[in-house]
């Protein structure tokens, strides 16, 4: 049963005020191929807010270890999960081609004058905390499935009523994630740069996309004459506009095994073409 079929079977009416999806791995293939259905929801239910919270890359890697090596009959490896997530969030593909992403595909179906309003009603966020439960909240009706040794099919989601103590716990979890002063601090937009943060003793303390202490590299490039290469920052950049800057610099990426690897990557990205990375 697909996502659209499930919604129509379990609810007599379309969601009116909110549709919240926490955890997309069980349904990412389905929802990314049903952009027209989400356009229909937004276009017919003018008060509806859609929020989709998807798993981080590190969470995908952890889950794929269970799904690929564990007891699951529905096996899926890390690369396949990442392919689905690329369809969801958009971004670069092999050869430098850009994928539009799920939200852009939905918005493309609106008239140009309606796009900005529709964009404010659909949100896509990455959860950088541990992921342990998948939730679909339609208005005040809640379905859930736990993350275990296999990806649960959509028909494995269980309905929980407001009378249940579990409903209260899961609802609090959604509120926690969507509260910018609590769990919302650990959510990021697809375009945000993610960095791993460390305390003063260099112990890793989590993944953030905000201005906390972090590891970064600076590189200074000299030629054989001893001349130093500097570059001038853009007049429209976020900070330090139009100032002279170091040769190369950037944050240590989650996938970098050392600051040396970061320096190599940033050198290629900032002085050559991104497509040349790792060549």
Protein backbone atom coordinates (compact mmCIF):
# COMPACT_ATOMS: atom_id res chain seq x y z
CA UNK A 1 0.00 0.00 0.00
CA UNK A 2 1.43 3.39 -0.99
CA UNK A 3 1.52 6.61 1.03
CA UNK A 4 -1.43 8.16 -0.79
CA UNK A 5 -3.50 4.97 -0.54
CA UNK A 6 -2.74 4.71 3.18
CA UNK A 7 -3.83 8.30 3.86
CA UNK A 8 -7.06 7.85 1.92
CA UNK A 9 -7.82 4.51 3.60
CA UNK A 10 -7.23 5.63 7.19
CA UNK A 11 -8.68 9.13 7.05
CA UNK A 12 -12.13 10.04 5.85
CA UNK A 13 -10.92 13.52 4.95
CA UNK A 14 -7.64 14.99 3.73
CA UNK A 15 -5.38 16.43 6.45
CA UNK A 16 -6.57 19.97 7.18
CA UNK A 17 -4.11 21.63 9.52
CA UNK A 18 -0.89 19.63 9.67
CA UNK A 19 0.95 16.68 8.25
CA UNK A 20 4.15 15.81 10.10
CA UNK A 21 6.41 12.97 8.97
CA UNK A 22 9.31 12.02 11.25
CA UNK A 23 11.64 9.51 9.60
CA UNK A 24 11.35 8.98 5.87
CA UNK A 25 13.37 5.81 5.21
CA UNK A 26 10.31 3.49 5.21
CA UNK A 27 8.47 5.72 2.71
CA UNK A 28 11.12 7.84 0.95
CA UNK A 29 10.78 5.99 -2.36
CA UNK A 30 7.02 6.41 -2.25
CA UNK A 31 6.78 10.08 -1.26
CA UNK A 32 9.45 11.23 -3.71
CA UNK A 33 7.43 9.72 -6.55
CA UNK A 34 4.14 11.31 -5.43
CA UNK A 35 4.91 15.03 -5.66
CA UNK A 36 1.54 15.57 -7.33
CA UNK A 37 -0.25 14.25 -4.26
CA UNK A 38 1.52 16.73 -1.97
CA UNK A 39 0.76 19.51 -4.43
CA UNK A 40 -2.90 18.42 -4.28
CA UNK A 41 -2.84 18.57 -0.48
CA UNK A 42 -1.37 22.06 -0.38
CA UNK A 43 -3.55 23.30 -3.21
CA UNK A 44 -6.86 22.10 -1.74
CA UNK A 45 -6.20 22.44 2.01
CA UNK A 46 -5.21 26.08 2.27
CA UNK A 47 -4.44 25.95 6.03
CA UNK A 48 -2.31 22.81 5.82
CA UNK A 49 1.31 22.86 6.99
CA UNK A 50 3.56 19.98 5.91
CA UNK A 51 6.76 19.21 7.84
CA UNK A 52 9.04 16.33 6.85
CA UNK A 53 11.97 15.41 9.11
CA UNK A 54 14.42 13.01 7.51
CA UNK A 55 17.36 10.96 8.78
CA UNK A 56 20.96 12.23 8.69
CA UNK A 57 23.67 10.61 6.61
CA UNK A 58 25.25 9.10 9.73
CA UNK A 59 21.87 7.67 10.75
CA UNK A 60 21.46 6.18 7.28
CA UNK A 61 24.83 4.52 7.62
CA UNK A 62 23.93 3.05 11.02
CA UNK A 63 20.56 1.80 9.80
CA UNK A 64 22.06 0.30 6.66
CA UNK A 65 24.30 -1.91 8.78
CA UNK A 66 21.19 -3.53 10.22
CA UNK A 67 19.25 -3.56 6.98
CA UNK A 68 22.06 -5.00 4.88
CA UNK A 69 23.80 -7.33 7.36
CA UNK A 70 21.01 -8.15 9.79
CA UNK A 71 17.98 -10.39 9.62
CA UNK A 72 15.85 -8.13 7.45
CA UNK A 73 14.23 -9.57 4.36
CA UNK A 74 13.76 -6.02 3.10
CA UNK A 75 17.48 -5.33 2.73
CA UNK A 76 18.80 -1.97 1.60
CA UNK A 77 22.38 -0.75 1.54
CA UNK A 78 23.79 2.68 2.36
CA UNK A 79 24.27 3.74 -1.27
CA UNK A 80 20.65 3.01 -2.09
CA UNK A 81 19.45 4.96 0.95
CA UNK A 82 21.62 7.88 -0.12
CA UNK A 83 20.17 7.74 -3.64
CA UNK A 84 16.66 8.05 -2.28
CA UNK A 85 17.70 10.90 -0.02
CA UNK A 86 19.24 12.74 -2.96
CA UNK A 87 15.85 12.60 -4.65
CA UNK A 88 14.35 14.03 -1.46
CA UNK A 89 16.73 16.89 -0.70
CA UNK A 90 18.19 17.61 -4.13
CA UNK A 91 21.83 18.40 -4.80
CA UNK A 92 24.71 17.43 -7.05
CA UNK A 93 24.78 14.21 -8.98
CA UNK A 94 27.55 12.54 -10.90
CA UNK A 95 28.89 14.79 -13.64
CA UNK A 96 27.92 17.93 -11.74
CA UNK A 97 24.21 17.72 -12.61
CA UNK A 98 21.82 19.17 -10.05
CA UNK A 99 18.75 17.34 -8.76
CA UNK A 100 15.83 19.62 -7.93
CA UNK A 101 14.68 17.79 -4.81
CA UNK A 102 11.23 16.93 -3.50
CA UNK A 103 10.12 20.43 -2.42
CA UNK A 104 11.21 22.07 -5.66
CA UNK A 105 9.33 19.39 -7.60
CA UNK A 106 6.18 20.09 -5.58
CA UNK A 107 6.51 23.87 -5.92
CA UNK A 108 7.07 23.62 -9.67
CA UNK A 109 3.42 22.59 -10.03
CA UNK A 110 2.15 25.89 -8.60
CA UNK A 111 1.63 29.06 -10.58
CA UNK A 112 4.65 31.41 -10.26
CA UNK A 113 2.68 33.91 -8.16
CA UNK A 114 1.68 31.13 -5.71
CA UNK A 115 5.13 29.62 -5.20
CA UNK A 116 6.37 31.84 -2.36
CA UNK A 117 3.27 31.24 -0.25
CA UNK A 118 3.37 27.49 -0.88
CA UNK A 119 7.07 27.37 0.01
CA UNK A 120 6.27 28.65 3.52
CA UNK A 121 3.81 25.79 4.04
CA UNK A 122 6.14 22.87 3.32
CA UNK A 123 9.32 22.29 5.30
CA UNK A 124 12.09 19.72 4.93
CA UNK A 125 14.53 19.28 7.82
CA UNK A 126 17.29 16.85 8.71
CA UNK A 127 17.34 15.31 12.18
CA UNK A 128 20.89 15.23 13.54
CA UNK A 129 19.89 13.40 16.72
CA UNK A 130 19.48 9.65 17.15
CA UNK A 131 16.51 8.29 15.27
CA UNK A 132 14.48 5.56 16.93
CA UNK A 133 10.90 5.92 15.75
CA UNK A 134 9.04 6.77 12.54
CA UNK A 135 5.90 8.88 12.94
CA UNK A 136 3.14 10.14 10.69
CA UNK A 137 0.89 12.73 12.34
CA UNK A 138 -2.20 13.79 10.38
CA UNK A 139 -4.00 16.52 12.31
CA UNK A 140 -4.49 14.67 15.63
CA UNK A 141 -4.24 11.11 14.33
CA UNK A 142 -0.89 9.43 14.86
CA UNK A 143 0.79 6.38 13.31
CA UNK A 144 4.20 5.05 14.32
CA UNK A 145 6.73 2.29 13.73
CA UNK A 146 9.96 1.69 15.61
CA UNK A 147 13.35 1.53 13.92
CA UNK A 148 14.72 -1.98 14.50
CA UNK A 149 16.51 -4.54 12.31
CA UNK A 150 14.54 -3.81 9.16
CA UNK A 151 12.82 -1.00 7.35
CA UNK A 152 9.12 -1.26 8.22
CA UNK A 153 6.69 -1.19 5.33
CA UNK A 154 4.01 1.46 5.50
CA UNK A 155 1.35 -1.10 6.37
CA UNK A 156 3.40 -1.98 9.48
CA UNK A 157 2.75 1.45 11.00
CA UNK A 158 0.41 1.21 13.97
CA UNK A 159 -2.30 3.68 14.87
CA UNK A 160 -2.24 5.03 18.41
CA UNK A 161 -5.16 6.88 19.95
CA UNK A 162 -5.08 9.97 22.15
CA UNK A 163 -6.13 7.87 25.13
CA UNK A 164 -2.88 5.92 24.98
CA UNK A 165 0.15 7.02 27.04
CA UNK A 166 2.26 6.26 23.96
CA UNK A 167 0.36 8.93 22.02
CA UNK A 168 1.39 11.49 24.61
CA UNK A 169 5.04 10.41 24.47
CA UNK A 170 5.22 10.48 20.68
CA UNK A 171 3.41 13.82 20.52
CA UNK A 172 5.89 15.28 23.00
CA UNK A 173 8.72 14.00 20.83
CA UNK A 174 7.29 15.79 17.79
CA UNK A 175 6.84 18.98 19.81
CA UNK A 176 10.42 18.64 21.06
CA UNK A 177 11.77 18.39 17.51
CA UNK A 178 9.74 21.30 16.21
CA UNK A 179 10.62 23.60 19.13
CA UNK A 180 13.51 25.80 18.05
CA UNK A 181 14.69 26.19 21.66
CA UNK A 182 14.94 22.45 22.33
CA UNK A 183 15.20 19.70 19.72
CA UNK A 184 14.82 22.18 16.88
CA UNK A 185 18.43 23.23 17.50
CA UNK A 186 19.47 19.84 16.17
CA UNK A 187 17.55 20.11 12.91
CA UNK A 188 19.06 21.54 9.75
CA UNK A 189 17.91 22.50 6.28
CA UNK A 190 19.21 20.47 3.32
CA UNK A 191 21.46 23.36 2.27
CA UNK A 192 23.02 23.88 5.73
CA UNK A 193 26.65 23.02 6.29
CA UNK A 194 26.97 20.36 8.99
CA UNK A 195 29.93 20.30 11.35
CA UNK A 196 30.98 18.05 14.22
CA UNK A 197 31.54 20.03 17.41
CA UNK A 198 34.02 19.38 20.19
CA UNK A 199 34.31 20.57 23.78
CA UNK A 200 37.44 22.14 25.27
CA UNK A 201 38.89 18.66 25.85
CA UNK A 202 38.41 17.75 22.16
CA UNK A 203 35.65 15.23 22.91
CA UNK A 204 32.99 15.17 20.15
CA UNK A 205 29.70 16.55 21.43
CA UNK A 206 27.41 16.21 18.44
CA UNK A 207 26.55 17.48 15.01
CA UNK A 208 25.30 21.02 14.56
CA UNK A 209 24.74 23.61 11.89
CA UNK A 210 24.99 26.62 14.19
CA UNK A 211 27.81 28.83 15.48
CA UNK A 212 29.47 26.72 18.16
CA UNK A 213 33.11 25.74 18.61
CA UNK A 214 34.23 23.57 15.73
CA UNK A 215 37.29 22.27 13.91
CA UNK A 216 38.35 24.06 10.75
CA UNK A 217 41.46 24.42 8.62
CA UNK A 218 43.31 27.34 7.08
CA UNK A 219 45.81 26.88 4.28
CA UNK A 220 48.34 29.35 2.90
CA UNK A 221 49.57 28.80 -0.64
CA UNK A 222 53.00 30.13 -1.69
CA UNK A 223 54.72 29.97 -5.04
CA UNK A 224 58.43 29.36 -5.56
CA UNK A 225 59.08 33.12 -5.35
CA UNK A 226 57.71 33.14 -1.81
CA UNK A 227 54.61 35.08 -2.80
CA UNK A 228 51.45 34.37 -0.82
CA UNK A 229 48.12 33.79 -2.57
CA UNK A 230 45.22 35.69 -1.00
CA UNK A 231 41.69 36.07 -2.24
CA UNK A 232 39.15 38.82 -1.80
CA UNK A 233 35.81 37.90 -0.33
CA UNK A 234 32.62 38.64 -2.24
CA UNK A 235 30.69 41.85 -1.70
CA UNK A 236 27.58 39.76 -1.05
CA UNK A 237 28.93 37.00 1.22
CA UNK A 238 27.39 36.50 4.68
CA UNK A 239 30.32 37.96 6.66
CA UNK A 240 33.61 39.82 6.23
CA UNK A 241 32.48 41.22 2.91
CA UNK A 242 35.09 42.56 0.48
CA UNK A 243 37.97 41.73 2.86
CA UNK A 244 41.20 39.96 1.93
CA UNK A 245 41.26 36.38 3.17
CA UNK A 246 43.51 33.33 3.53
CA UNK A 247 44.31 31.16 0.50
CA UNK A 248 41.99 28.30 1.47
CA UNK A 249 39.79 27.48 4.46
CA UNK A 250 36.81 25.48 5.59
CA UNK A 251 35.15 23.33 8.24
CA UNK A 252 36.13 19.74 8.93
CA UNK A 253 33.47 17.65 7.22
CA UNK A 254 31.83 14.67 8.92
CA UNK A 255 33.38 12.34 6.34
CA UNK A 256 36.93 13.71 6.69
CA UNK A 257 39.21 11.25 8.47
CA UNK A 258 41.72 13.98 9.34
CA UNK A 259 42.35 17.69 8.95
CA UNK A 260 44.84 16.81 6.21
CA UNK A 261 41.97 15.34 4.19
CA UNK A 262 39.96 18.50 4.88
CA UNK A 263 42.81 20.66 3.61
CA UNK A 264 43.11 18.60 0.41
CA UNK A 265 39.36 18.75 -0.19
CA UNK A 266 39.09 22.49 0.44
CA UNK A 267 42.15 23.17 -1.75
CA UNK A 268 40.47 21.46 -4.70
CA UNK A 269 37.03 22.93 -4.01
CA UNK A 270 38.24 26.52 -3.70
CA UNK A 271 41.06 26.62 -6.24
CA UNK A 272 39.89 24.12 -8.85
CA UNK A 273 36.56 22.55 -9.81
CA UNK A 274 34.50 20.58 -7.25
CA UNK A 275 34.20 17.82 -9.85
CA UNK A 276 37.97 17.31 -9.56
CA UNK A 277 37.70 16.29 -5.91
CA UNK A 278 39.49 13.01 -5.10
CA UNK A 279 41.12 12.89 -8.54
